[in-house]
Every structure is written in structure tokens, then in C-alpha cells.
C-alpha atoms as a PDB file:
ATOM      1  CA  UNK A   1     -14.532  -8.760  -2.887  1.00  0.00           C
ATOM      2  CA  UNK A   2     -12.729 -12.010  -3.456  1.00  0.00           C
ATOM      3  CA  UNK A   3     -13.148 -12.721   0.154  1.00  0.00           C
ATOM      4  CA  UNK A   4     -12.048  -9.320   1.247  1.00  0.00           C
ATOM      5  CA  UNK A   5     -14.137  -6.445   2.547  1.00  0.00           C
ATOM      6  CA  UNK A   6     -13.131  -3.393   0.842  1.00  0.00           C
ATOM      7  CA  UNK A   7     -15.108   0.171   0.751  1.00  0.00           C
ATOM      8  CA  UNK A   8     -15.957   1.973  -2.457  1.00  0.00           C
ATOM      9  CA  UNK A   9     -15.073   5.131  -0.412  1.00  0.00           C
ATOM     10  CA  UNK A  10     -11.666   4.030   0.090  1.00  0.00           C
ATOM     11  CA  UNK A  11     -11.048   3.693  -3.700  1.00  0.00           C
ATOM     12  CA  UNK A  12     -12.431   7.170  -4.391  1.00  0.00           C
ATOM     13  CA  UNK A  13     -10.350   8.827  -1.804  1.00  0.00           C
ATOM     14  CA  UNK A  14      -6.964   7.164  -3.125  1.00  0.00           C
ATOM     15  CA  UNK A  15      -8.242   8.291  -6.751  1.00  0.00           C
ATOM     16  CA  UNK A  16      -8.743  11.824  -5.625  1.00  0.00           C
ATOM     17  CA  UNK A  17      -5.453  11.965  -3.737  1.00  0.00           C
ATOM     18  CA  UNK A  18      -3.609  11.656  -7.257  1.00  0.00           C
ATOM     19  CA  UNK A  19      -2.600  14.946  -8.479  1.00  0.00           C
ATOM     20  CA  UNK A  20      -5.062  16.292 -11.101  1.00  0.00           C
ATOM     21  CA  UNK A  21      -8.129  14.262  -9.836  1.00  0.00           C
ATOM     22  CA  UNK A  22     -10.568  16.482  -8.598  1.00  0.00           C
ATOM     23  CA  UNK A  23     -13.648  14.012  -7.977  1.00  0.00           C
ATOM     24  CA  UNK A  24     -13.997  10.465  -8.464  1.00  0.00           C
ATOM     25  CA  UNK A  25     -16.724   7.905  -8.279  1.00  0.00           C
ATOM     26  CA  UNK A  26     -16.117   4.036  -7.965  1.00  0.00           C
ATOM     27  CA  UNK A  27     -18.522   1.177  -8.666  1.00  0.00           C
ATOM     28  CA  UNK A  28     -18.580  -2.586  -8.441  1.00  0.00           C
ATOM     29  CA  UNK A  29     -19.789  -3.865 -11.757  1.00  0.00           C
ATOM     30  CA  UNK A  30     -20.660  -7.564 -12.318  1.00  0.00           C
ATOM     31  CA  UNK A  31     -18.841  -8.760 -15.705  1.00  0.00           C
ATOM     32  CA  UNK A  32     -19.660 -12.239 -16.685  1.00  0.00           C
ATOM     33  CA  UNK A  33     -18.459 -14.592 -13.617  1.00  0.00           C
ATOM     34  CA  UNK A  34     -16.701 -11.836 -11.804  1.00  0.00           C
ATOM     35  CA  UNK A  35     -17.005  -8.573 -10.302  1.00  0.00           C
ATOM     36  CA  UNK A  36     -14.630  -5.585 -11.539  1.00  0.00           C
ATOM     37  CA  UNK A  37     -13.844  -2.055 -10.183  1.00  0.00           C
ATOM     38  CA  UNK A  38     -14.839   0.883 -12.496  1.00  0.00           C
ATOM     39  CA  UNK A  39     -14.188   4.458 -11.657  1.00  0.00           C
ATOM     40  CA  UNK A  40     -15.381   7.911 -13.186  1.00  0.00           C
ATOM     41  CA  UNK A  41     -12.866  10.753 -12.436  1.00  0.00           C
ATOM     42  CA  UNK A  42     -13.301  14.476 -13.137  1.00  0.00           C
ATOM     43  CA  UNK A  43     -10.220  16.070 -14.096  1.00  0.00           C
ATOM     44  CA  UNK A  44      -8.519  18.714 -16.078  1.00  0.00           C
ATOM     45  CA  UNK A  45      -7.401  17.007 -19.287  1.00  0.00           C
ATOM     46  CA  UNK A  46      -3.493  16.214 -19.040  1.00  0.00           C
ATOM     47  CA  UNK A  47      -1.053  14.020 -21.020  1.00  0.00           C
ATOM     48  CA  UNK A  48      -0.481  10.779 -19.590  1.00  0.00           C
ATOM     49  CA  UNK A  49      -2.932  11.173 -16.658  1.00  0.00           C
ATOM     50  CA  UNK A  50      -4.435   7.768 -17.179  1.00  0.00           C
ATOM     51  CA  UNK A  51      -0.770   6.371 -16.604  1.00  0.00           C
ATOM     52  CA  UNK A  52      -0.415   8.405 -13.577  1.00  0.00           C
ATOM     53  CA  UNK A  53      -3.706   7.334 -11.982  1.00  0.00           C
ATOM     54  CA  UNK A  54      -2.902   3.607 -12.697  1.00  0.00           C
ATOM     55  CA  UNK A  55       0.534   4.107 -11.034  1.00  0.00           C
ATOM     56  CA  UNK A  56      -0.892   5.889  -8.104  1.00  0.00           C
ATOM     57  CA  UNK A  57      -3.587   2.959  -7.503  1.00  0.00           C
ATOM     58  CA  UNK A  58      -0.858   0.409  -8.013  1.00  0.00           C
ATOM     59  CA  UNK A  59       1.087   1.968  -4.986  1.00  0.00           C
ATOM     60  CA  UNK A  60      -1.815   2.620  -2.568  1.00  0.00           C
ATOM     61  CA  UNK A  61      -4.524  -0.189  -3.518  1.00  0.00           C
ATOM     62  CA  UNK A  62      -4.484  -3.977  -3.485  1.00  0.00           C
ATOM     63  CA  UNK A  63      -4.591  -5.474  -7.105  1.00  0.00           C
ATOM     64  CA  UNK A  64      -8.009  -6.667  -6.636  1.00  0.00           C
ATOM     65  CA  UNK A  65      -9.529  -3.409  -5.890  1.00  0.00           C
ATOM     66  CA  UNK A  66      -7.702  -1.304  -8.406  1.00  0.00           C
ATOM     67  CA  UNK A  67      -9.977   0.102 -11.192  1.00  0.00           C
ATOM     68  CA  UNK A  68     -10.300  -2.113 -14.169  1.00  0.00           C
ATOM     69  CA  UNK A  69     -11.684   0.588 -16.210  1.00  0.00           C
ATOM     70  CA  UNK A  70     -11.429   4.453 -15.973  1.00  0.00           C
ATOM     71  CA  UNK A  71     -13.910   7.012 -17.849  1.00  0.00           C
ATOM     72  CA  UNK A  72     -12.884  10.782 -17.617  1.00  0.00           C
ATOM     73  CA  UNK A  73     -15.610  13.266 -17.441  1.00  0.00           C
ATOM     74  CA  UNK A  74     -15.606  16.906 -17.859  1.00  0.00           C
ATOM     75  CA  UNK A  75     -18.173  17.377 -15.192  1.00  0.00           C
ATOM     76  CA  UNK A  76     -20.124  15.060 -12.952  1.00  0.00           C
ATOM     77  CA  UNK A  77     -23.930  15.027 -13.397  1.00  0.00           C
ATOM     78  CA  UNK A  78     -25.333  16.617 -10.178  1.00  0.00           C
ATOM     79  CA  UNK A  79     -28.695  16.589  -8.169  1.00  0.00           C
ATOM     80  CA  UNK A  80     -30.571  19.772  -7.057  1.00  0.00           C
ATOM     81  CA  UNK A  81     -28.780  19.718  -3.961  1.00  0.00           C
ATOM     82  CA  UNK A  82     -25.485  19.937  -5.649  1.00  0.00           C
ATOM     83  CA  UNK A  83     -24.274  16.212  -4.822  1.00  0.00           C
ATOM     84  CA  UNK A  84     -23.223  13.836  -7.707  1.00  0.00           C
ATOM     85  CA  UNK A  85     -25.893  11.962  -9.121  1.00  0.00           C
ATOM     86  CA  UNK A  86     -24.319   8.612  -8.783  1.00  0.00           C
ATOM     87  CA  UNK A  87     -27.110   6.633 -10.340  1.00  0.00           C
ATOM     88  CA  UNK A  88     -26.318   8.426 -13.584  1.00  0.00           C
ATOM     89  CA  UNK A  89     -22.647   7.844 -13.159  1.00  0.00           C
ATOM     90  CA  UNK A  90     -22.818   4.139 -12.268  1.00  0.00           C
ATOM     91  CA  UNK A  91     -25.048   3.741 -15.594  1.00  0.00           C
ATOM     92  CA  UNK A  92     -22.165   5.319 -17.542  1.00  0.00           C
ATOM     93  CA  UNK A  93     -19.887   2.601 -15.645  1.00  0.00           C
ATOM     94  CA  UNK A  94     -21.978  -0.280 -16.373  1.00  0.00           C
END
């Protein structure tokens, strides 16, 4: 992104390292003339968690890969194998 190489898995690991976040999926989404990072997180509902996640990402991630939009899910859709159905999550983030 913007001339820098960055892995979505690194963003996901950073999100999961934030207290209260159980799982996370990040996606790069084309928006008009640019690309932005969006993320879905599975977490127990807590007051102010969105702010804590934003502060955590601000400390750990460069500005250009911080999630521009977060969605909170009660559970991630799963494949028969038990893995997260990323295609369904990517559609939610689009």
C-alpha cells in the first residue's frame, strides 16, 4: 500500500493482541481512487472497545495500514473444517 509492503496477517495479529479481541480478519478494499484497510473483529461486547482498538493500532501499526473501518461480529462464519469463512467476511467488509 502506498509503495509499502504489508501483510494483512500482521494487521490481524495486532488486532488480536489488543485485550478483548478474540479473532480478527483484515481486508484491503478499493474505495474510489484508493485502497483502505477494513477489519472485522470477534470480541465480547465492552464499553469503549472501539477506542481501545484504535489506540492499540495507533501504537503498533503505521498510519497507512490502520483499519479505517471496524465491524464487530458476535461470531465469525465458519467452514465445515472450522476455519473462518473469509469470503463471507470479505463481503461484509466491502
